[in-house]
ModelCIF file with pLDDT and N, C-alpha, C, O atoms, coordinates in Angstrom:
data_MODEL
#
_entry.id   MODEL 
#
_entity.id                         1 
_entity.type                       polymer 
_entity.pdbx_number_of_molecules   1 
#
_entity_poly.entity_id                      1 
_entity_poly.type                           'polypeptide(L)' 
_entity_poly.nstd_linkage                   no 
_entity_poly.nstd_monomer                   no 
_entity_poly.pdbx_seq_one_letter_code       YNDGSSFTAERWPPWHQGIEYDAGLFFIAYQRDPRSGFIRINKTVAAR 
_entity_poly.pdbx_seq_one_letter_code_can   YNDGSSFTAERWPPWHQGIEYDAGLFFIAYQRDPRSGFIRINKTVAAR 
_entity_poly.pdbx_strand_id                 A 
#
loop_
_entity_poly_seq.entity_id 
_entity_poly_seq.num 
_entity_poly_seq.mon_id 
_entity_poly_seq.hetero 
1 1  TYR n 
1 2  ASN n 
1 3  ASP n 
1 4  GLY n 
1 5  SER n 
1 6  SER n 
1 7  PHE n 
1 8  THR n 
1 9  ALA n 
1 10 GLU n 
1 11 ARG n 
1 12 TRP n 
1 13 PRO n 
1 14 PRO n 
1 15 TRP n 
1 16 HIS n 
1 17 GLN n 
1 18 GLY n 
1 19 ILE n 
1 20 GLU n 
1 21 TYR n 
1 22 ASP n 
1 23 ALA n 
1 24 GLY n 
1 25 LEU n 
1 26 PHE n 
1 27 PHE n 
1 28 ILE n 
1 29 ALA n 
1 30 TYR n 
1 31 GLN n 
1 32 ARG n 
1 33 ASP n 
1 34 PRO n 
1 35 ARG n 
1 36 SER n 
1 37 GLY n 
1 38 PHE n 
1 39 ILE n 
1 40 ARG n 
1 41 ILE n 
1 42 ASN n 
1 43 LYS n 
1 44 THR n 
1 45 VAL n 
1 46 ALA n 
1 47 ALA n 
1 48 ARG n 
#
_struct_asym.id          A 
_struct_asym.entity_id   1 
#
loop_
_ma_qa_metric.id 
_ma_qa_metric.mode 
_ma_qa_metric.name 
_ma_qa_metric.software_group_id 
_ma_qa_metric.type 
1 global pLDDT . pLDDT 
2 local  pLDDT . pLDDT 
#
_ma_qa_metric_global.metric_id      1 
_ma_qa_metric_global.metric_value   91.23 
_ma_qa_metric_global.model_id       1 
_ma_qa_metric_global.ordinal_id     1 
#
loop_
_ma_qa_metric_local.label_asym_id 
_ma_qa_metric_local.label_comp_id 
_ma_qa_metric_local.label_seq_id 
_ma_qa_metric_local.metric_id 
_ma_qa_metric_local.metric_value 
_ma_qa_metric_local.model_id 
_ma_qa_metric_local.ordinal_id 
A TYR 1  2 98.00 1 1  
A ASN 2  2 97.00 1 2  
A ASP 3  2 96.00 1 3  
A GLY 4  2 93.00 1 4  
A SER 5  2 88.00 1 5  
A SER 6  2 86.00 1 6  
A PHE 7  2 82.00 1 7  
A THR 8  2 81.00 1 8  
A ALA 9  2 77.00 1 9  
A GLU 10 2 73.00 1 10 
A ARG 11 2 72.00 1 11 
A TRP 12 2 70.00 1 12 
A PRO 13 2 74.00 1 13 
A PRO 14 2 73.00 1 14 
A TRP 15 2 76.00 1 15 
A HIS 16 2 76.00 1 16 
A GLN 17 2 82.00 1 17 
A GLY 18 2 84.00 1 18 
A ILE 19 2 86.00 1 19 
A GLU 20 2 89.00 1 20 
A TYR 21 2 92.00 1 21 
A ASP 22 2 94.00 1 22 
A ALA 23 2 97.00 1 23 
A GLY 24 2 97.00 1 24 
A LEU 25 2 98.00 1 25 
A PHE 26 2 98.00 1 26 
A PHE 27 2 98.00 1 27 
A ILE 28 2 98.00 1 28 
A ALA 29 2 98.00 1 29 
A TYR 30 2 98.00 1 30 
A GLN 31 2 98.00 1 31 
A ARG 32 2 98.00 1 32 
A ASP 33 2 98.00 1 33 
A PRO 34 2 98.00 1 34 
A ARG 35 2 98.00 1 35 
A SER 36 2 97.00 1 36 
A GLY 37 2 98.00 1 37 
A PHE 38 2 98.00 1 38 
A ILE 39 2 98.00 1 39 
A ARG 40 2 98.00 1 40 
A ILE 41 2 98.00 1 41 
A ASN 42 2 98.00 1 42 
A LYS 43 2 98.00 1 43 
A THR 44 2 97.00 1 44 
A VAL 45 2 97.00 1 45 
A ALA 46 2 97.00 1 46 
A ALA 47 2 97.00 1 47 
A ARG 48 2 97.00 1 48 
#
loop_
_atom_site.group_PDB 
_atom_site.id 
_atom_site.type_symbol 
_atom_site.label_atom_id 
_atom_site.label_alt_id 
_atom_site.label_comp_id 
_atom_site.label_asym_id 
_atom_site.label_entity_id 
_atom_site.label_seq_id 
_atom_site.pdbx_PDB_ins_code 
_atom_site.Cartn_x 
_atom_site.Cartn_y 
_atom_site.Cartn_z 
_atom_site.occupancy 
_atom_site.B_iso_or_equiv 
_atom_site.pdbx_formal_charge 
_atom_site.auth_seq_id 
_atom_site.auth_comp_id 
_atom_site.auth_asym_id 
_atom_site.auth_atom_id 
_atom_site.pdbx_PDB_model_num 
ATOM 1   N N  . TYR A 1 1  ? 16.629 3.113   -15.887 1.00 98.00 ? 1  TYR A N  1 
ATOM 2   C CA . TYR A 1 1  ? 17.539 3.869   -16.747 1.00 98.00 ? 1  TYR A CA 1 
ATOM 3   C C  . TYR A 1 1  ? 18.695 2.978   -17.162 1.00 98.00 ? 1  TYR A C  1 
ATOM 4   O O  . TYR A 1 1  ? 19.041 2.023   -16.467 1.00 98.00 ? 1  TYR A O  1 
ATOM 5   N N  . ASN A 1 2  ? 19.287 3.301   -18.300 1.00 97.00 ? 2  ASN A N  1 
ATOM 6   C CA . ASN A 1 2  ? 20.456 2.600   -18.818 1.00 97.00 ? 2  ASN A CA 1 
ATOM 7   C C  . ASN A 1 2  ? 21.358 3.634   -19.460 1.00 97.00 ? 2  ASN A C  1 
ATOM 8   O O  . ASN A 1 2  ? 21.062 4.131   -20.547 1.00 97.00 ? 2  ASN A O  1 
ATOM 9   N N  . ASP A 1 3  ? 22.452 3.960   -18.798 1.00 96.00 ? 3  ASP A N  1 
ATOM 10  C CA . ASP A 1 3  ? 23.389 4.971   -19.296 1.00 96.00 ? 3  ASP A CA 1 
ATOM 11  C C  . ASP A 1 3  ? 24.692 4.355   -19.789 1.00 96.00 ? 3  ASP A C  1 
ATOM 12  O O  . ASP A 1 3  ? 25.761 4.953   -19.661 1.00 96.00 ? 3  ASP A O  1 
ATOM 13  N N  . GLY A 1 4  ? 24.594 3.160   -20.351 1.00 93.00 ? 4  GLY A N  1 
ATOM 14  C CA . GLY A 1 4  ? 25.782 2.515   -20.906 1.00 93.00 ? 4  GLY A CA 1 
ATOM 15  C C  . GLY A 1 4  ? 26.548 1.758   -19.837 1.00 93.00 ? 4  GLY A C  1 
ATOM 16  O O  . GLY A 1 4  ? 25.963 0.979   -19.085 1.00 93.00 ? 4  GLY A O  1 
ATOM 17  N N  . SER A 1 5  ? 27.842 1.980   -19.766 1.00 88.00 ? 5  SER A N  1 
ATOM 18  C CA . SER A 1 5  ? 28.672 1.281   -18.790 1.00 88.00 ? 5  SER A CA 1 
ATOM 19  C C  . SER A 1 5  ? 29.763 2.213   -18.281 1.00 88.00 ? 5  SER A C  1 
ATOM 20  O O  . SER A 1 5  ? 30.107 3.198   -18.935 1.00 88.00 ? 5  SER A O  1 
ATOM 21  N N  . SER A 1 6  ? 30.302 1.895   -17.114 1.00 86.00 ? 6  SER A N  1 
ATOM 22  C CA . SER A 1 6  ? 31.382 2.689   -16.537 1.00 86.00 ? 6  SER A CA 1 
ATOM 23  C C  . SER A 1 6  ? 32.112 1.846   -15.497 1.00 86.00 ? 6  SER A C  1 
ATOM 24  O O  . SER A 1 6  ? 31.656 0.762   -15.133 1.00 86.00 ? 6  SER A O  1 
ATOM 25  N N  . PHE A 1 7  ? 33.246 2.350   -15.022 1.00 82.00 ? 7  PHE A N  1 
ATOM 26  C CA . PHE A 1 7  ? 34.016 1.619   -14.009 1.00 82.00 ? 7  PHE A CA 1 
ATOM 27  C C  . PHE A 1 7  ? 33.290 1.694   -12.670 1.00 82.00 ? 7  PHE A C  1 
ATOM 28  O O  . PHE A 1 7  ? 32.856 2.764   -12.244 1.00 82.00 ? 7  PHE A O  1 
ATOM 29  N N  . THR A 1 8  ? 33.166 0.545   -12.017 1.00 81.00 ? 8  THR A N  1 
ATOM 30  C CA . THR A 1 8  ? 32.450 0.474   -10.743 1.00 81.00 ? 8  THR A CA 1 
ATOM 31  C C  . THR A 1 8  ? 33.192 -0.435  -9.782  1.00 81.00 ? 8  THR A C  1 
ATOM 32  O O  . THR A 1 8  ? 33.755 -1.456  -10.176 1.00 81.00 ? 8  THR A O  1 
ATOM 33  N N  . ALA A 1 9  ? 33.182 -0.044  -8.509  1.00 77.00 ? 9  ALA A N  1 
ATOM 34  C CA . ALA A 1 9  ? 33.675 -0.901  -7.431  1.00 77.00 ? 9  ALA A CA 1 
ATOM 35  C C  . ALA A 1 9  ? 32.468 -1.296  -6.591  1.00 77.00 ? 9  ALA A C  1 
ATOM 36  O O  . ALA A 1 9  ? 31.854 -0.440  -5.953  1.00 77.00 ? 9  ALA A O  1 
ATOM 37  N N  . GLU A 1 10 ? 32.118 -2.580  -6.581  1.00 73.00 ? 10 GLU A N  1 
ATOM 38  C CA . GLU A 1 10 ? 30.941 -3.030  -5.857  1.00 73.00 ? 10 GLU A CA 1 
ATOM 39  C C  . GLU A 1 10 ? 31.121 -2.859  -4.355  1.00 73.00 ? 10 GLU A C  1 
ATOM 40  O O  . GLU A 1 10 ? 32.227 -2.989  -3.830  1.00 73.00 ? 10 GLU A O  1 
ATOM 41  N N  . ARG A 1 11 ? 30.015 -2.566  -3.668  1.00 72.00 ? 11 ARG A N  1 
ATOM 42  C CA . ARG A 1 11 ? 30.038 -2.304  -2.233  1.00 72.00 ? 11 ARG A CA 1 
ATOM 43  C C  . ARG A 1 11 ? 30.072 -3.573  -1.396  1.00 72.00 ? 11 ARG A C  1 
ATOM 44  O O  . ARG A 1 11 ? 30.441 -3.527  -0.223  1.00 72.00 ? 11 ARG A O  1 
ATOM 45  N N  . TRP A 1 12 ? 29.692 -4.712  -1.982  1.00 70.00 ? 12 TRP A N  1 
ATOM 46  C CA . TRP A 1 12 ? 29.530 -5.946  -1.223  1.00 70.00 ? 12 TRP A CA 1 
ATOM 47  C C  . TRP A 1 12 ? 30.319 -7.069  -1.908  1.00 70.00 ? 12 TRP A C  1 
ATOM 48  O O  . TRP A 1 12 ? 30.708 -6.940  -3.069  1.00 70.00 ? 12 TRP A O  1 
ATOM 49  N N  . PRO A 1 13 ? 30.552 -8.165  -1.186  1.00 74.00 ? 13 PRO A N  1 
ATOM 50  C CA . PRO A 1 13 ? 31.225 -9.313  -1.813  1.00 74.00 ? 13 PRO A CA 1 
ATOM 51  C C  . PRO A 1 13 ? 30.464 -9.719  -3.066  1.00 74.00 ? 13 PRO A C  1 
ATOM 52  O O  . PRO A 1 13 ? 29.233 -9.700  -3.065  1.00 74.00 ? 13 PRO A O  1 
ATOM 53  N N  . PRO A 1 14 ? 31.169 -10.088 -4.144  1.00 73.00 ? 14 PRO A N  1 
ATOM 54  C CA . PRO A 1 14 ? 32.601 -10.413 -4.221  1.00 73.00 ? 14 PRO A CA 1 
ATOM 55  C C  . PRO A 1 14 ? 33.526 -9.231  -4.458  1.00 73.00 ? 14 PRO A C  1 
ATOM 56  O O  . PRO A 1 14 ? 34.653 -9.435  -4.911  1.00 73.00 ? 14 PRO A O  1 
ATOM 57  N N  . TRP A 1 15 ? 33.100 -7.990  -4.171  1.00 76.00 ? 15 TRP A N  1 
ATOM 58  C CA . TRP A 1 15 ? 33.945 -6.806  -4.263  1.00 76.00 ? 15 TRP A CA 1 
ATOM 59  C C  . TRP A 1 15 ? 34.517 -6.600  -5.665  1.00 76.00 ? 15 TRP A C  1 
ATOM 60  O O  . TRP A 1 15 ? 35.632 -6.100  -5.817  1.00 76.00 ? 15 TRP A O  1 
ATOM 61  N N  . HIS A 1 16 ? 33.765 -6.978  -6.670  1.00 76.00 ? 16 HIS A N  1 
ATOM 62  C CA . HIS A 1 16 ? 34.246 -6.852  -8.045  1.00 76.00 ? 16 HIS A CA 1 
ATOM 63  C C  . HIS A 1 16 ? 34.480 -5.395  -8.418  1.00 76.00 ? 16 HIS A C  1 
ATOM 64  O O  . HIS A 1 16 ? 33.701 -4.515  -8.051  1.00 76.00 ? 16 HIS A O  1 
ATOM 65  N N  . GLN A 1 17 ? 35.562 -5.153  -9.150  1.00 82.00 ? 17 GLN A N  1 
ATOM 66  C CA . GLN A 1 17 ? 35.841 -3.834  -9.704  1.00 82.00 ? 17 GLN A CA 1 
ATOM 67  C C  . GLN A 1 17 ? 36.077 -3.974  -11.201 1.00 82.00 ? 17 GLN A C  1 
ATOM 68  O O  . GLN A 1 17 ? 36.793 -4.873  -11.642 1.00 82.00 ? 17 GLN A O  1 
ATOM 69  N N  . GLY A 1 18 ? 35.485 -3.100  -11.963 1.00 84.00 ? 18 GLY A N  1 
ATOM 70  C CA . GLY A 1 18 ? 35.673 -3.147  -13.403 1.00 84.00 ? 18 GLY A CA 1 
ATOM 71  C C  . GLY A 1 18 ? 34.535 -2.453  -14.120 1.00 84.00 ? 18 GLY A C  1 
ATOM 72  O O  . GLY A 1 18 ? 33.732 -1.750  -13.507 1.00 84.00 ? 18 GLY A O  1 
ATOM 73  N N  . ILE A 1 19 ? 34.475 -2.658  -15.421 1.00 86.00 ? 19 ILE A N  1 
ATOM 74  C CA . ILE A 1 19 ? 33.435 -2.048  -16.237 1.00 86.00 ? 19 ILE A CA 1 
ATOM 75  C C  . ILE A 1 19 ? 32.136 -2.820  -16.040 1.00 86.00 ? 19 ILE A C  1 
ATOM 76  O O  . ILE A 1 19 ? 32.077 -4.029  -16.264 1.00 86.00 ? 19 ILE A O  1 
ATOM 77  N N  . GLU A 1 20 ? 31.109 -2.109  -15.622 1.00 89.00 ? 20 GLU A N  1 
ATOM 78  C CA . GLU A 1 20 ? 29.797 -2.713  -15.410 1.00 89.00 ? 20 GLU A CA 1 
ATOM 79  C C  . GLU A 1 20 ? 28.723 -1.801  -15.998 1.00 89.00 ? 20 GLU A C  1 
ATOM 80  O O  . GLU A 1 20 ? 28.986 -0.652  -16.354 1.00 89.00 ? 20 GLU A O  1 
ATOM 81  N N  . TYR A 1 21 ? 27.524 -2.334  -16.088 1.00 92.00 ? 21 TYR A N  1 
ATOM 82  C CA . TYR A 1 21 ? 26.413 -1.518  -16.569 1.00 92.00 ? 21 TYR A CA 1 
ATOM 83  C C  . TYR A 1 21 ? 26.202 -0.318  -15.649 1.00 92.00 ? 21 TYR A C  1 
ATOM 84  O O  . TYR A 1 21 ? 26.182 -0.456  -14.426 1.00 92.00 ? 21 TYR A O  1 
ATOM 85  N N  . ASP A 1 22 ? 26.046 0.853   -16.249 1.00 94.00 ? 22 ASP A N  1 
ATOM 86  C CA . ASP A 1 22 ? 25.622 2.029   -15.487 1.00 94.00 ? 22 ASP A CA 1 
ATOM 87  C C  . ASP A 1 22 ? 24.117 2.122   -15.674 1.00 94.00 ? 22 ASP A C  1 
ATOM 88  O O  . ASP A 1 22 ? 23.620 2.903   -16.486 1.00 94.00 ? 22 ASP A O  1 
ATOM 89  N N  . ALA A 1 23 ? 23.405 1.310   -14.907 1.00 97.00 ? 23 ALA A N  1 
ATOM 90  C CA . ALA A 1 23 ? 21.969 1.167   -15.085 1.00 97.00 ? 23 ALA A CA 1 
ATOM 91  C C  . ALA A 1 23 ? 21.316 0.934   -13.733 1.00 97.00 ? 23 ALA A C  1 
ATOM 92  O O  . ALA A 1 23 ? 21.968 0.539   -12.767 1.00 97.00 ? 23 ALA A O  1 
ATOM 93  N N  . GLY A 1 24 ? 20.034 1.184   -13.686 1.00 97.00 ? 24 GLY A N  1 
ATOM 94  C CA . GLY A 1 24 ? 19.327 0.984   -12.430 1.00 97.00 ? 24 GLY A CA 1 
ATOM 95  C C  . GLY A 1 24 ? 17.949 1.594   -12.445 1.00 97.00 ? 24 GLY A C  1 
ATOM 96  O O  . GLY A 1 24 ? 17.223 1.501   -13.434 1.00 97.00 ? 24 GLY A O  1 
ATOM 97  N N  . LEU A 1 25 ? 17.594 2.219   -11.339 1.00 98.00 ? 25 LEU A N  1 
ATOM 98  C CA . LEU A 1 25 ? 16.254 2.767   -11.158 1.00 98.00 ? 25 LEU A CA 1 
ATOM 99  C C  . LEU A 1 25 ? 16.344 4.257   -10.890 1.00 98.00 ? 25 LEU A C  1 
ATOM 100 O O  . LEU A 1 25 ? 17.052 4.696   -9.984  1.00 98.00 ? 25 LEU A O  1 
ATOM 101 N N  . PHE A 1 26 ? 15.604 5.049   -11.704 1.00 98.00 ? 26 PHE A N  1 
ATOM 102 C CA . PHE A 1 26 ? 15.438 6.462   -11.392 1.00 98.00 ? 26 PHE A CA 1 
ATOM 103 C C  . PHE A 1 26 ? 14.152 6.554   -10.585 1.00 98.00 ? 26 PHE A C  1 
ATOM 104 O O  . PHE A 1 26 ? 13.049 6.626   -11.127 1.00 98.00 ? 26 PHE A O  1 
ATOM 105 N N  . PHE A 1 27 ? 14.333 6.547   -9.284  1.00 98.00 ? 27 PHE A N  1 
ATOM 106 C CA . PHE A 1 27 ? 13.227 6.519   -8.329  1.00 98.00 ? 27 PHE A CA 1 
ATOM 107 C C  . PHE A 1 27 ? 12.562 7.894   -8.274  1.00 98.00 ? 27 PHE A C  1 
ATOM 108 O O  . PHE A 1 27 ? 13.235 8.908   -8.089  1.00 98.00 ? 27 PHE A O  1 
ATOM 109 N N  . ILE A 1 28 ? 11.252 7.921   -8.435  1.00 98.00 ? 28 ILE A N  1 
ATOM 110 C CA . ILE A 1 28 ? 10.472 9.152   -8.367  1.00 98.00 ? 28 ILE A CA 1 
ATOM 111 C C  . ILE A 1 28 ? 9.281  8.867   -7.469  1.00 98.00 ? 28 ILE A C  1 
ATOM 112 O O  . ILE A 1 28 ? 8.540  7.913   -7.705  1.00 98.00 ? 28 ILE A O  1 
ATOM 113 N N  . ALA A 1 29 ? 9.090  9.688   -6.439  1.00 98.00 ? 29 ALA A N  1 
ATOM 114 C CA . ALA A 1 29 ? 7.981  9.448   -5.520  1.00 98.00 ? 29 ALA A CA 1 
ATOM 115 C C  . ALA A 1 29 ? 7.323  10.767  -5.132  1.00 98.00 ? 29 ALA A C  1 
ATOM 116 O O  . ALA A 1 29 ? 7.990  11.712  -4.710  1.00 98.00 ? 29 ALA A O  1 
ATOM 117 N N  . TYR A 1 30 ? 5.999  10.811  -5.285  1.00 98.00 ? 30 TYR A N  1 
ATOM 118 C CA . TYR A 1 30 ? 5.209  11.985  -4.911  1.00 98.00 ? 30 TYR A CA 1 
ATOM 119 C C  . TYR A 1 30 ? 4.530  11.721  -3.567  1.00 98.00 ? 30 TYR A C  1 
ATOM 120 O O  . TYR A 1 30 ? 4.162  10.590  -3.253  1.00 98.00 ? 30 TYR A O  1 
ATOM 121 N N  . GLN A 1 31 ? 4.373  12.790  -2.780  1.00 98.00 ? 31 GLN A N  1 
ATOM 122 C CA . GLN A 1 31 ? 3.797  12.634  -1.457  1.00 98.00 ? 31 GLN A CA 1 
ATOM 123 C C  . GLN A 1 31 ? 3.284  13.971  -0.912  1.00 98.00 ? 31 GLN A C  1 
ATOM 124 O O  . GLN A 1 31 ? 3.660  15.046  -1.378  1.00 98.00 ? 31 GLN A O  1 
ATOM 125 N N  . ARG A 1 32 ? 2.428  13.858  0.074   1.00 98.00 ? 32 ARG A N  1 
ATOM 126 C CA . ARG A 1 32 ? 1.857  15.049  0.709   1.00 98.00 ? 32 ARG A CA 1 
ATOM 127 C C  . ARG A 1 32 ? 2.852  15.720  1.633   1.00 98.00 ? 32 ARG A C  1 
ATOM 128 O O  . ARG A 1 32 ? 2.878  16.946  1.741   1.00 98.00 ? 32 ARG A O  1 
ATOM 129 N N  . ASP A 1 33 ? 3.681  14.914  2.307   1.00 98.00 ? 33 ASP A N  1 
ATOM 130 C CA . ASP A 1 33 ? 4.647  15.463  3.261   1.00 98.00 ? 33 ASP A CA 1 
ATOM 131 C C  . ASP A 1 33 ? 5.879  14.564  3.274   1.00 98.00 ? 33 ASP A C  1 
ATOM 132 O O  . ASP A 1 33 ? 5.785  13.415  3.707   1.00 98.00 ? 33 ASP A O  1 
ATOM 133 N N  . PRO A 1 34 ? 7.031  15.052  2.814   1.00 98.00 ? 34 PRO A N  1 
ATOM 134 C CA . PRO A 1 34 ? 8.234  14.207  2.769   1.00 98.00 ? 34 PRO A CA 1 
ATOM 135 C C  . PRO A 1 34 ? 8.675  13.698  4.138   1.00 98.00 ? 34 PRO A C  1 
ATOM 136 O O  . PRO A 1 34 ? 9.309  12.647  4.231   1.00 98.00 ? 34 PRO A O  1 
ATOM 137 N N  . ARG A 1 35 ? 8.352  14.422  5.187   1.00 98.00 ? 35 ARG A N  1 
ATOM 138 C CA . ARG A 1 35 ? 8.790  14.010  6.523   1.00 98.00 ? 35 ARG A CA 1 
ATOM 139 C C  . ARG A 1 35 ? 8.126  12.704  6.948   1.00 98.00 ? 35 ARG A C  1 
ATOM 140 O O  . ARG A 1 35 ? 8.771  11.828  7.525   1.00 98.00 ? 35 ARG A O  1 
ATOM 141 N N  . SER A 1 36 ? 6.844  12.583  6.662   1.00 97.00 ? 36 SER A N  1 
ATOM 142 C CA . SER A 1 36 ? 6.116  11.360  7.010   1.00 97.00 ? 36 SER A CA 1 
ATOM 143 C C  . SER A 1 36 ? 6.027  10.402  5.834   1.00 97.00 ? 36 SER A C  1 
ATOM 144 O O  . SER A 1 36 ? 5.475  9.308   5.957   1.00 97.00 ? 36 SER A O  1 
ATOM 145 N N  . GLY A 1 37 ? 6.571  10.812  4.694   1.00 98.00 ? 37 GLY A N  1 
ATOM 146 C CA . GLY A 1 37 ? 6.550  9.974   3.507   1.00 98.00 ? 37 GLY A CA 1 
ATOM 147 C C  . GLY A 1 37 ? 7.900  9.356   3.238   1.00 98.00 ? 37 GLY A C  1 
ATOM 148 O O  . GLY A 1 37 ? 8.306  8.419   3.926   1.00 98.00 ? 37 GLY A O  1 
ATOM 149 N N  . PHE A 1 38 ? 8.603  9.871   2.239   1.00 98.00 ? 38 PHE A N  1 
ATOM 150 C CA . PHE A 1 38 ? 9.855  9.251   1.814   1.00 98.00 ? 38 PHE A CA 1 
ATOM 151 C C  . PHE A 1 38 ? 10.887 9.176   2.936   1.00 98.00 ? 38 PHE A C  1 
ATOM 152 O O  . PHE A 1 38 ? 11.529 8.141   3.111   1.00 98.00 ? 38 PHE A O  1 
ATOM 153 N N  . ILE A 1 39 ? 11.056 10.249  3.690   1.00 98.00 ? 39 ILE A N  1 
ATOM 154 C CA . ILE A 1 39 ? 12.116 10.275  4.704   1.00 98.00 ? 39 ILE A CA 1 
ATOM 155 C C  . ILE A 1 39 ? 11.894 9.174   5.737   1.00 98.00 ? 39 ILE A C  1 
ATOM 156 O O  . ILE A 1 39 ? 12.826 8.453   6.093   1.00 98.00 ? 39 ILE A O  1 
ATOM 157 N N  . ARG A 1 40 ? 10.677 9.051   6.210   1.00 98.00 ? 40 ARG A N  1 
ATOM 158 C CA . ARG A 1 40 ? 10.396 8.012   7.203   1.00 98.00 ? 40 ARG A CA 1 
ATOM 159 C C  . ARG A 1 40 ? 10.632 6.623   6.629   1.00 98.00 ? 40 ARG A C  1 
ATOM 160 O O  . ARG A 1 40 ? 11.268 5.781   7.262   1.00 98.00 ? 40 ARG A O  1 
ATOM 161 N N  . ILE A 1 41 ? 10.119 6.391   5.428   1.00 98.00 ? 41 ILE A N  1 
ATOM 162 C CA . ILE A 1 41 ? 10.256 5.066   4.827   1.00 98.00 ? 41 ILE A CA 1 
ATOM 163 C C  . ILE A 1 41 ? 11.715 4.751   4.521   1.00 98.00 ? 41 ILE A C  1 
ATOM 164 O O  . ILE A 1 41 ? 12.186 3.650   4.805   1.00 98.00 ? 41 ILE A O  1 
ATOM 165 N N  . ASN A 1 42 ? 12.436 5.718   3.938   1.00 98.00 ? 42 ASN A N  1 
ATOM 166 C CA . ASN A 1 42 ? 13.797 5.420   3.500   1.00 98.00 ? 42 ASN A CA 1 
ATOM 167 C C  . ASN A 1 42 ? 14.775 5.259   4.661   1.00 98.00 ? 42 ASN A C  1 
ATOM 168 O O  . ASN A 1 42 ? 15.797 4.588   4.512   1.00 98.00 ? 42 ASN A O  1 
ATOM 169 N N  . LYS A 1 43 ? 14.486 5.857   5.807   1.00 98.00 ? 43 LYS A N  1 
ATOM 170 C CA . LYS A 1 43 ? 15.327 5.602   6.976   1.00 98.00 ? 43 LYS A CA 1 
ATOM 171 C C  . LYS A 1 43 ? 15.277 4.120   7.346   1.00 98.00 ? 43 LYS A C  1 
ATOM 172 O O  . LYS A 1 43 ? 16.294 3.525   7.703   1.00 98.00 ? 43 LYS A O  1 
ATOM 173 N N  . THR A 1 44 ? 14.084 3.535   7.255   1.00 97.00 ? 44 THR A N  1 
ATOM 174 C CA . THR A 1 44 ? 13.937 2.099   7.523   1.00 97.00 ? 44 THR A CA 1 
ATOM 175 C C  . THR A 1 44 ? 14.626 1.280   6.450   1.00 97.00 ? 44 THR A C  1 
ATOM 176 O O  . THR A 1 44 ? 15.349 0.329   6.747   1.00 97.00 ? 44 THR A O  1 
ATOM 177 N N  . VAL A 1 45 ? 14.396 1.657   5.194   1.00 97.00 ? 45 VAL A N  1 
ATOM 178 C CA . VAL A 1 45 ? 14.982 0.921   4.074   1.00 97.00 ? 45 VAL A CA 1 
ATOM 179 C C  . VAL A 1 45 ? 16.505 0.984   4.114   1.00 97.00 ? 45 VAL A C  1 
ATOM 180 O O  . VAL A 1 45 ? 17.172 -0.033  3.925   1.00 97.00 ? 45 VAL A O  1 
ATOM 181 N N  . ALA A 1 46 ? 17.058 2.165   4.356   1.00 97.00 ? 46 ALA A N  1 
ATOM 182 C CA . ALA A 1 46 ? 18.512 2.328   4.362   1.00 97.00 ? 46 ALA A CA 1 
ATOM 183 C C  . ALA A 1 46 ? 19.172 1.521   5.474   1.00 97.00 ? 46 ALA A C  1 
ATOM 184 O O  . ALA A 1 46 ? 20.318 1.095   5.334   1.00 97.00 ? 46 ALA A O  1 
ATOM 185 N N  . ALA A 1 47 ? 18.464 1.310   6.564   1.00 97.00 ? 47 ALA A N  1 
ATOM 186 C CA . ALA A 1 47 ? 19.050 0.612   7.712   1.00 97.00 ? 47 ALA A CA 1 
ATOM 187 C C  . ALA A 1 47 ? 18.866 -0.894  7.651   1.00 97.00 ? 47 ALA A C  1 
ATOM 188 O O  . ALA A 1 47 ? 19.697 -1.633  8.179   1.00 97.00 ? 47 ALA A O  1 
ATOM 189 N N  . ARG A 1 48 ? 17.778 -1.377  7.011   1.00 97.00 ? 48 ARG A N  1 
ATOM 190 C CA . ARG A 1 48 ? 17.433 -2.792  7.170   1.00 97.00 ? 48 ARG A CA 1 
ATOM 191 C C  . ARG A 1 48 ? 17.285 -3.574  5.873   1.00 97.00 ? 48 ARG A C  1 
ATOM 192 O O  . ARG A 1 48 ? 16.997 -4.771  5.902   1.00 97.00 ? 48 ARG A O  1 
#
């Protein structure tokens, strides 16, 4: 997705703040069971 630009404060060094692209990924995932699907996977992803 690309929604133009907006003010952003980056979470990591170099800690830049200012007008940046408001763009990225609209993540969509289908699964049989979210507990053993997205939730399990994203707990690992979010931590590591």
